[in-house]
Protein backbone atom coordinates (compact mmCIF):
# COMPACT_ATOMS: atom_id res chain seq x y z
CA MET A 1 -12.26 -4.92 -0.11
CA SER A 2 -9.88 -3.99 2.65
CA GLU A 3 -6.76 -6.08 2.79
CA GLY A 4 -5.94 -7.85 6.01
CA VAL A 5 -2.51 -7.47 7.59
CA VAL A 6 -0.31 -10.44 8.51
CA ALA A 7 2.85 -9.99 10.61
CA ILE A 8 5.65 -12.57 10.74
CA VAL A 9 7.44 -12.39 14.11
CA GLY A 10 9.89 -14.40 16.14
CA ARG A 11 13.40 -14.30 17.51
CA ALA A 12 16.41 -13.78 15.26
CA ASN A 13 17.55 -16.39 12.74
CA VAL A 14 14.53 -18.70 12.81
CA GLY A 15 13.79 -18.22 9.08
CA LYS A 16 11.15 -15.47 9.13
CA SER A 17 12.46 -13.79 5.98
CA THR A 18 12.63 -17.11 4.12
CA ILE A 19 8.97 -17.79 4.93
CA PHE A 20 8.09 -14.18 4.03
CA ASN A 21 9.77 -14.57 0.63
CA ARG A 22 8.08 -17.92 0.09
CA ILE A 23 4.63 -16.39 0.71
CA VAL A 24 5.28 -13.26 -1.35
CA GLY A 25 6.83 -15.29 -4.16
CA GLU A 26 10.00 -13.28 -4.60
CA ARG A 27 13.14 -12.40 -2.68
CA VAL A 28 11.95 -9.18 -1.06
CA SER A 29 13.72 -9.73 2.25
CA ILE A 30 17.47 -10.28 2.46
CA VAL A 31 18.12 -13.83 3.64
CA GLU A 32 21.37 -14.60 5.46
CA ASP A 33 22.37 -16.90 8.30
CA THR A 34 23.58 -13.92 10.32
CA PRO A 35 21.13 -13.12 13.14
CA GLY A 36 19.52 -9.69 12.94
CA VAL A 37 19.85 -9.09 9.20
CA THR A 38 16.24 -7.89 8.93
CA ARG A 39 16.30 -4.84 11.18
CA ASP A 40 13.26 -2.95 9.92
CA ARG A 41 9.82 -4.10 8.97
CA ILE A 42 9.48 -5.00 5.28
CA TYR A 43 6.09 -4.82 3.60
CA ALA A 44 4.70 -6.67 0.60
CA HIS A 45 1.44 -7.97 -0.81
CA GLY A 46 0.55 -11.64 -0.64
CA SER A 47 -2.43 -13.71 -1.75
CA TRP A 48 -3.81 -17.17 -1.10
CA LEU A 49 -6.90 -18.68 -2.67
CA THR A 50 -9.34 -15.75 -3.07
CA ARG A 51 -7.87 -13.46 -0.43
CA ASP A 52 -5.28 -10.72 -0.73
CA PHE A 53 -3.42 -9.39 2.29
CA ARG A 54 -0.46 -7.25 3.28
CA ILE A 55 2.38 -9.08 4.95
CA ILE A 56 5.04 -7.62 7.27
CA ASP A 57 8.45 -9.18 7.87
CA THR A 58 10.05 -8.07 11.14
CA GLY A 59 13.46 -8.13 12.76
CA GLY A 60 14.16 -10.80 15.35
CA ILE A 61 13.17 -10.10 18.96
CA GLU A 62 16.09 -10.77 21.32
CA LEU A 63 16.73 -10.61 25.07
CA GLU A 64 19.91 -8.56 24.81
CA LYS A 65 19.60 -4.93 25.88
CA SER A 66 21.67 -3.28 23.15
CA ASP A 67 20.23 -0.32 21.26
CA MET A 68 19.90 -2.42 18.12
CA THR A 69 17.91 -5.24 19.74
CA ALA A 70 15.72 -2.71 21.57
CA SER A 71 14.95 -1.05 18.24
CA ILE A 72 14.18 -4.42 16.62
CA LYS A 73 11.80 -5.26 19.46
CA MET A 74 10.02 -1.92 19.04
CA GLN A 75 9.69 -2.53 15.29
CA ALA A 76 8.17 -5.96 15.95
CA GLU A 77 5.75 -4.57 18.54
CA ILE A 78 4.46 -1.98 16.10
CA ALA A 79 4.02 -4.68 13.46
CA ILE A 80 2.09 -6.80 15.97
CA GLU A 81 -0.20 -3.87 16.72
CA GLU A 82 -0.84 -3.28 13.02
CA ALA A 83 -1.56 -6.95 12.28
CA ASP A 84 -4.87 -8.78 12.06
CA VAL A 85 -3.12 -12.17 12.20
CA ILE A 86 0.37 -13.03 13.48
CA VAL A 87 2.57 -15.89 12.27
CA PHE A 88 4.96 -16.77 15.11
CA VAL A 89 8.03 -18.54 13.67
CA VAL A 90 10.31 -20.74 15.79
CA ASN A 91 13.26 -22.98 14.95
CA GLY A 92 12.24 -26.63 15.20
CA ARG A 93 15.83 -27.85 15.29
CA GLU A 94 16.82 -25.81 18.33
CA GLY A 95 13.78 -26.33 20.54
CA VAL A 96 12.16 -23.72 22.80
CA THR A 97 14.50 -20.89 23.83
CA PRO A 98 14.08 -18.08 26.39
CA GLU A 99 13.63 -15.66 23.48
CA ASP A 100 10.77 -17.82 22.11
CA SER A 101 9.09 -17.71 25.52
CA MET A 102 9.48 -13.92 25.66
CA VAL A 103 7.95 -13.51 22.20
CA ALA A 104 5.09 -15.81 23.19
CA ARG A 105 4.32 -13.61 26.22
CA ILE A 106 4.27 -10.50 24.01
CA LEU A 107 1.89 -12.21 21.59
CA GLN A 108 -0.42 -13.42 24.35
CA LYS A 109 -0.73 -9.84 25.62
CA SER A 110 -1.62 -8.61 22.13
CA LYS A 111 -4.86 -10.66 22.11
CA LYS A 112 -4.36 -11.16 18.35
CA PRO A 113 -4.88 -14.53 16.61
CA VAL A 114 -1.52 -16.31 16.39
CA ILE A 115 -0.35 -19.16 14.15
CA LEU A 116 2.67 -21.08 15.46
CA ALA A 117 4.95 -22.14 12.59
CA VAL A 118 7.78 -24.50 13.56
CA ASN A 119 10.35 -23.91 10.83
CA LYS A 120 13.23 -26.04 9.49
CA ILE A 121 11.25 -29.29 9.80
CA ASP A 122 12.42 -30.64 6.43
CA ASP A 123 13.68 -33.95 7.78
CA ASN A 124 11.64 -36.64 9.52
CA LYS A 125 14.16 -36.86 12.37
CA TYR A 126 13.07 -33.36 13.52
CA LYS A 127 9.33 -33.92 13.16
CA ASP A 128 8.72 -34.94 16.78
CA ASN A 129 10.39 -31.72 17.94
CA ILE A 130 7.20 -29.78 17.24
CA TYR A 131 5.54 -31.18 20.39
CA ASP A 132 8.01 -29.26 22.58
CA PHE A 133 6.44 -26.00 21.37
CA TYR A 134 3.07 -26.71 23.00
CA ALA A 135 4.81 -25.39 26.12
CA LEU A 136 4.61 -21.86 24.65
CA GLY A 137 0.84 -21.87 25.16
CA ILE A 138 0.18 -20.47 21.66
CA GLY A 139 -1.77 -23.37 20.16
CA ASP A 140 -1.20 -26.24 17.77
CA PRO A 141 2.23 -25.96 16.08
CA ILE A 142 2.41 -26.37 12.29
CA PRO A 143 5.62 -27.99 10.94
CA VAL A 144 7.04 -26.03 8.01
CA SER A 145 10.16 -25.59 5.92
CA GLY A 146 10.56 -22.12 4.48
CA VAL A 147 13.43 -23.27 2.28
CA HIS A 148 11.48 -26.13 0.68
CA GLY A 149 7.94 -24.71 0.95
CA ILE A 150 6.72 -27.57 3.15
CA GLY A 151 3.68 -26.67 5.26
CA ILE A 152 3.41 -23.08 3.96
CA GLY A 153 0.01 -23.86 2.44
CA ASP A 154 -1.23 -25.09 5.83
CA VAL A 155 -0.09 -21.83 7.44
CA LEU A 156 -1.81 -19.77 4.74
CA ASP A 157 -5.03 -21.76 5.12
CA GLU A 158 -5.03 -20.71 8.78
CA VAL A 159 -4.18 -17.12 7.85
CA ILE A 160 -7.21 -16.92 5.54
CA ARG A 161 -9.44 -18.53 8.16
CA LEU A 162 -8.40 -16.04 10.82
CA LEU A 163 -8.33 -12.82 8.77
CA PRO A 164 -11.39 -10.67 9.48
CA ASN A 165 -13.95 -10.44 6.72
CA LYS A 166 -13.93 -6.78 5.72
CA ASP A 167 -16.13 -7.05 2.64
CA THR A 168 -19.04 -5.33 4.34
CA ILE A 169 -17.18 -2.39 5.87
CA ASN A 170 -17.39 0.02 2.93
CA ASP A 171 -20.70 1.42 1.68
CA PRO A 172 -20.64 1.27 -2.14
CA GLU A 173 -22.46 4.62 -2.30
CA THR A 174 -19.77 6.30 -0.20
CA ILE A 175 -16.60 7.74 -1.71
CA ARG A 176 -13.81 6.85 0.66
CA PHE A 177 -10.73 9.05 0.42
CA SER A 178 -7.51 9.11 2.41
CA ILE A 179 -5.25 12.03 3.17
CA ILE A 180 -1.61 10.99 3.00
CA GLY A 181 1.72 12.75 2.99
CA ARG A 182 4.87 13.18 5.01
CA PRO A 183 4.55 14.45 8.58
CA ASN A 184 3.64 18.07 9.23
CA VAL A 185 2.31 18.95 5.77
CA GLY A 186 -1.08 19.78 7.26
CA LYS A 187 -3.04 16.55 6.87
CA SER A 188 -4.95 16.95 10.13
CA SER A 189 -5.63 20.63 9.43
CA LEU A 190 -6.96 19.65 6.02
CA THR A 191 -9.21 17.01 7.59
CA ASN A 192 -10.64 19.62 9.95
CA ALA A 193 -11.15 22.09 7.11
CA ILE A 194 -12.94 19.46 5.01
CA LEU A 195 -15.21 18.50 7.92
CA GLY A 196 -15.71 22.06 9.07
CA GLU A 197 -14.90 21.14 12.67
CA ASP A 198 -11.95 20.25 14.87
CA ARG A 199 -12.29 16.50 14.42
CA VAL A 200 -8.58 15.67 14.86
CA ILE A 201 -5.80 17.21 16.95
CA VAL A 202 -3.70 19.74 15.09
CA SER A 203 -0.22 20.83 16.15
CA ASN A 204 3.18 21.57 14.64
CA ILE A 205 4.74 18.54 16.33
CA GLU A 206 5.37 15.73 13.88
CA GLY A 207 3.40 12.62 14.71
CA THR A 208 0.57 14.22 16.70
CA THR A 209 -2.20 12.03 15.28
CA ARG A 210 -1.86 8.64 16.95
CA ASP A 211 -4.55 6.67 15.11
CA ALA A 212 -6.03 6.50 11.66
CA ILE A 213 -9.34 8.31 12.05
CA ASP A 214 -12.34 7.52 9.81
CA THR A 215 -15.09 10.13 9.63
CA SER A 216 -18.21 9.88 7.46
CA PHE A 217 -20.12 12.94 6.26
CA THR A 218 -22.36 14.12 3.44
CA LYS A 219 -21.72 17.08 1.12
CA ASP A 220 -24.04 18.22 -1.66
CA GLY A 221 -25.94 14.93 -1.40
CA GLN A 222 -22.85 12.74 -1.80
CA LYS A 223 -21.65 10.55 1.08
CA TYR A 224 -17.92 10.53 1.87
CA THR A 225 -15.57 8.97 4.39
CA VAL A 226 -12.30 10.76 5.08
CA VAL A 227 -9.33 9.03 6.70
CA ASP A 228 -6.61 11.05 8.41
CA THR A 229 -3.55 8.82 8.66
CA ALA A 230 -0.74 10.78 10.28
CA GLY A 231 1.37 10.11 13.30
CA MET A 232 2.31 7.50 15.87
CA ARG A 233 -0.05 4.82 17.02
CA LYS A 234 1.86 3.13 19.85
CA ARG A 235 0.84 4.97 23.04
CA GLY A 236 2.42 8.22 21.95
CA LYS A 237 5.98 6.93 21.97
CA ILE A 238 8.14 7.75 18.98
CA TYR A 239 9.48 4.28 18.24
CA GLU A 240 11.03 5.00 14.88
CA ASN A 241 11.84 7.83 12.56
CA VAL A 242 8.84 9.62 11.14
CA GLU A 243 9.78 8.93 7.52
CA LYS A 244 9.32 5.18 7.82
CA TYR A 245 6.17 5.54 9.86
CA SER A 246 4.53 7.96 7.44
CA VAL A 247 5.04 5.46 4.62
CA MET A 248 3.48 2.68 6.70
CA ARG A 249 0.43 4.78 7.55
CA ALA A 250 0.08 5.79 3.91
CA MET A 251 0.11 2.15 2.76
CA SER A 252 -2.57 1.19 5.28
CA ALA A 253 -4.80 4.06 4.18
CA ILE A 254 -4.33 3.45 0.47
CA ASP A 255 -5.44 -0.19 0.73
CA ASP A 256 -8.91 0.78 1.92
CA SER A 257 -9.60 3.91 -0.15
CA ASP A 258 -11.16 4.84 -3.46
CA ILE A 259 -9.32 8.12 -3.87
CA ILE A 260 -5.98 9.28 -2.42
CA LEU A 261 -5.23 12.91 -1.57
CA VAL A 262 -1.44 13.33 -1.64
CA VAL A 263 -0.69 16.45 0.39
CA ILE A 264 2.39 18.57 -0.37
CA ASP A 265 3.65 21.43 1.77
CA GLY A 266 3.56 24.44 -0.56
CA GLU A 267 5.75 26.42 1.80
CA ARG A 268 8.61 23.89 2.03
CA GLY A 269 8.22 22.55 -1.50
CA ILE A 270 8.64 19.01 -2.83
CA LEU A 271 10.91 16.71 -0.83
CA GLU A 272 12.14 13.20 -1.63
CA GLN A 273 9.71 11.66 0.84
CA ASP A 274 6.79 13.23 -1.05
CA LYS A 275 7.86 11.25 -4.11
CA HIS A 276 8.02 7.97 -2.16
CA ILE A 277 4.54 8.42 -0.71
CA ALA A 278 3.04 9.55 -4.03
CA GLY A 279 4.63 6.49 -5.64
CA TYR A 280 2.65 4.21 -3.34
CA ALA A 281 -0.55 6.01 -4.31
CA HIS A 282 0.20 5.58 -8.02
CA GLU A 283 1.13 1.89 -7.71
CA SER A 284 -2.12 1.16 -5.88
CA GLY A 285 -4.18 1.87 -8.99
CA LYS A 286 -6.47 4.20 -7.02
CA GLY A 287 -7.62 7.65 -8.07
CA VAL A 288 -5.20 10.39 -7.04
CA VAL A 289 -5.53 14.13 -6.32
CA LEU A 290 -2.45 16.23 -5.54
CA VAL A 291 -3.18 18.83 -2.87
CA VAL A 292 -0.73 21.70 -2.34
CA ASN A 293 -1.41 22.97 1.18
CA LYS A 294 -0.28 26.17 2.95
CA TRP A 295 -0.71 28.11 -0.29
CA ASP A 296 -1.63 31.18 1.77
CA ALA A 297 1.91 31.29 3.23
CA ILE A 298 3.58 31.82 -0.14
CA GLU A 299 4.30 35.19 -1.73
CA LYS A 300 2.65 34.93 -5.13
CA ASP A 301 2.54 36.67 -8.46
CA SER A 302 0.75 35.79 -11.69
CA LYS A 303 3.28 33.03 -12.50
CA THR A 304 3.69 31.36 -9.08
CA MET A 305 1.06 28.64 -9.58
CA GLN A 306 2.26 27.93 -13.09
CA ALA A 307 5.83 27.51 -11.83
CA PHE A 308 4.71 25.18 -9.03
CA ASN A 309 2.66 23.14 -11.51
CA LYS A 310 5.79 22.69 -13.59
CA LYS A 311 7.76 21.49 -10.55
CA ILE A 312 5.05 18.98 -9.68
CA ARG A 313 4.91 17.59 -13.20
CA GLU A 314 8.69 17.28 -13.32
CA ASN A 315 8.88 15.47 -9.98
CA PHE A 316 5.73 13.33 -10.34
CA LYS A 317 5.86 12.30 -14.00
CA TYR A 318 4.07 9.04 -13.19
CA LEU A 319 1.12 11.07 -11.82
CA ASP A 320 0.49 13.18 -14.91
CA TYR A 321 -3.17 12.09 -14.79
CA ALA A 322 -3.67 13.55 -11.29
CA LYS A 323 -5.27 16.99 -11.00
CA ILE A 324 -3.79 19.59 -8.62
CA ALA A 325 -5.64 21.61 -5.96
CA TYR A 326 -4.06 24.63 -4.23
CA VAL A 327 -5.55 25.19 -0.78
CA SER A 328 -5.03 26.65 2.65
CA ALA A 329 -6.34 24.31 5.32
CA LEU A 330 -5.54 26.87 8.02
CA LYS A 331 -7.66 29.60 6.44
CA LYS A 332 -10.11 27.15 4.84
CA GLN A 333 -9.47 28.57 1.38
CA ARG A 334 -10.37 26.71 -1.85
CA ILE A 335 -11.35 23.56 0.06
CA ASP A 336 -14.38 22.99 -2.17
CA THR A 337 -12.13 22.59 -5.22
CA ILE A 338 -10.89 19.33 -3.69
CA PHE A 339 -14.35 17.76 -3.85
CA ASP A 340 -14.72 18.52 -7.56
CA LEU A 341 -11.45 16.66 -8.20
CA ILE A 342 -12.37 13.76 -5.87
CA ASN A 343 -15.68 13.28 -7.67
CA GLU A 344 -14.01 13.51 -11.08
CA ALA A 345 -11.37 10.92 -10.14
CA TYR A 346 -14.02 8.59 -8.69
CA GLU A 347 -16.08 8.84 -11.88
CA SER A 348 -12.97 8.10 -13.97
CA GLN A 349 -12.16 5.07 -11.83
CA HIS A 350 -15.60 3.60 -12.54
CA LYS A 351 -15.89 4.57 -16.21
CA ARG A 352 -16.75 1.79 -18.68
CA ILE A 353 -16.05 2.16 -22.40
CA PRO A 354 -18.12 0.22 -24.96
CA THR A 355 -15.99 -2.27 -26.90
CA ASN A 356 -16.80 -0.79 -30.31
CA LEU A 357 -15.79 2.73 -29.25
CA PHE A 358 -12.60 1.43 -27.65
CA ASN A 359 -11.59 -0.42 -30.82
CA ASP A 360 -12.37 2.62 -32.97
CA VAL A 361 -9.87 4.65 -30.93
CA ILE A 362 -7.22 1.89 -31.16
CA VAL A 363 -7.65 1.58 -34.94
CA ASP A 364 -7.39 5.37 -35.41
CA ALA A 365 -4.32 5.48 -33.16
CA GLN A 366 -2.56 2.86 -35.30
CA LEU A 367 -3.44 4.69 -38.53
CA MET A 368 -2.05 7.95 -37.16
CA ASN A 369 1.09 6.35 -35.72
CA PRO A 370 1.83 2.79 -36.92
CA THR A 371 3.89 0.50 -34.72
CA SER A 372 7.60 0.09 -35.43
CA ASN A 373 9.95 -2.88 -35.17
CA PHE A 374 10.87 -3.82 -31.60
CA GLN A 375 12.59 -6.95 -30.27
CA GLY A 376 12.55 -8.65 -33.65
CA GLY A 377 9.03 -7.90 -34.80
CA ARG A 378 6.24 -5.40 -35.37
CA LEU A 379 3.24 -5.32 -33.04
CA LYS A 380 -0.14 -6.08 -34.60
CA ILE A 381 -3.21 -5.20 -32.52
CA TYR A 382 -6.24 -7.23 -33.58
CA TYR A 383 -8.86 -6.02 -31.13
CA GLY A 384 -9.40 -5.27 -27.44
CA SER A 385 -11.91 -4.56 -24.72
CA GLN A 386 -12.23 -3.19 -21.19
CA VAL A 387 -12.05 -5.96 -18.60
CA ALA A 388 -12.17 -4.09 -15.28
CA ILE A 389 -12.72 -0.80 -13.47
CA THR A 390 -10.94 0.71 -10.42
CA PRO A 391 -8.71 1.28 -12.27
CA PRO A 392 -9.98 1.08 -15.85
CA THR A 393 -8.14 -1.89 -17.36
CA PHE A 394 -8.03 -2.82 -21.05
CA VAL A 395 -6.78 -5.98 -22.75
CA LEU A 396 -5.35 -5.83 -26.26
CA PHE A 397 -5.11 -9.07 -28.24
CA VAL A 398 -1.95 -8.94 -30.34
CA ASN A 399 0.42 -11.11 -32.37
CA ASP A 400 3.13 -11.04 -29.65
CA PRO A 401 3.17 -8.89 -26.47
CA LYS A 402 6.99 -8.64 -26.52
CA PHE A 403 6.76 -6.41 -29.61
CA LEU A 404 5.03 -3.65 -27.59
CA HIS A 405 7.47 -0.85 -26.79
CA PHE A 406 6.69 1.04 -23.58
CA SER A 407 6.53 4.34 -25.51
CA TYR A 408 3.83 2.97 -27.82
CA LYS A 409 1.87 1.72 -24.83
CA ARG A 410 2.07 5.23 -23.38
CA TYR A 411 0.93 6.62 -26.74
CA LEU A 412 -2.16 4.37 -26.69
CA GLU A 413 -2.92 5.43 -23.12
CA ASN A 414 -2.74 9.09 -24.15
CA LYS A 415 -5.13 8.43 -27.04
CA LEU A 416 -7.59 6.78 -24.65
CA ARG A 417 -7.37 9.80 -22.35
CA GLU A 418 -7.95 12.17 -25.26
CA ALA A 419 -11.06 10.23 -26.26
CA PHE A 420 -12.55 9.32 -22.89
CA GLY A 421 -10.93 11.48 -20.18
CA PHE A 422 -9.99 9.32 -17.18
CA ASP A 423 -8.80 12.43 -15.31
CA GLY A 424 -7.54 11.52 -11.85
CA SER A 425 -7.28 7.79 -12.55
CA PRO A 426 -4.51 5.56 -13.86
CA VAL A 427 -5.29 3.45 -16.92
CA HIS A 428 -3.88 -0.05 -17.28
CA ILE A 429 -3.26 -1.65 -20.69
CA ILE A 430 -2.49 -5.38 -20.86
CA CYS A 431 -1.33 -7.17 -24.03
CA ARG A 432 -2.18 -10.82 -24.62
CA LYS A 433 -1.26 -13.06 -27.50
CA ARG A 434 -4.25 -13.98 -29.65
CA GLU A 435 -4.54 -17.72 -29.80
């Protein structure tokens, strides 16, 4: 299921970050009483009842015309455009301010569903203040206290009610894959090469693609949907540096995909931003294929590919399960190899292992390499089973989960891969204490 997107907006110092942290359940945003502490958008995952969503914390929108406040306003506007639902936070102790009215006008123009949260109502003497905020024309205000958690459940109930139901968007028979990577690595060119047509604009200017573009097609009897995710969305204006924006687009694409193609520029090599973006793909639990583009532009000998493989494995140790494709989108070379790896990763993501076979592998693994003492005890694994797919997830019932050393967990994962494959997919192992 696609995750909805919730943006928290409002002027500076009304408690947006406190509410954000309360919803997320941890201190992701820095919380201070100094206005303007949150300058960039901060992203996290939240959940309420049966619904998961992505949540964006934004910097405060202010009337001042300094470069900093202009940048904060731009950040907030982009977050508003990305959002399915907006939580508009105001300070119930200070009443309606000109900045609140300005934010309200921006939100009304967005045509997005808005929830008005009147924060800092943690004392009965401020409760009647909420009626002043009807003047904003946003709707019924909800009294909340981010610090004490009062009213947050009421806000989240409204969030869930207003989020679009995206359960029916994806066809279960279609493999949906996204093409992500830092700007100008050739994502749009790769999309065109995969589709065999000029479906998206291609240029050497970073940020050319201004919208995420979904295109469905069929190849060799299999249905696919490809998502090109590069570039700037907000009317062609470059509101922020391309590094931050590329990460945001990657996160949006990953949420709604089965398989992620992480594109690397073979000509320029591996940069730090490649690692950040690939990290998001790995953490998502989706299938991953590493695609080295512009391979035609490199002078090669018999050891060039082997050397590049080594660099990739050194820089992306957490993606050792991902296969690597070397292609030229420009010359449409080796494009078909990508589909073999997509299909393999998709099959691995949906693979189910019978319980008896799984336990046989675990027993053999322990005989070959018994557990050692760790944190005051020795791990005993009694039995286990697979509990989920996408990604394949296994639960081991043990004497005490704290005795599991991370290296032994990695050893068990490697044994599962030796026995059952799982190429292109992460494998999750969870330990639970046997009651």
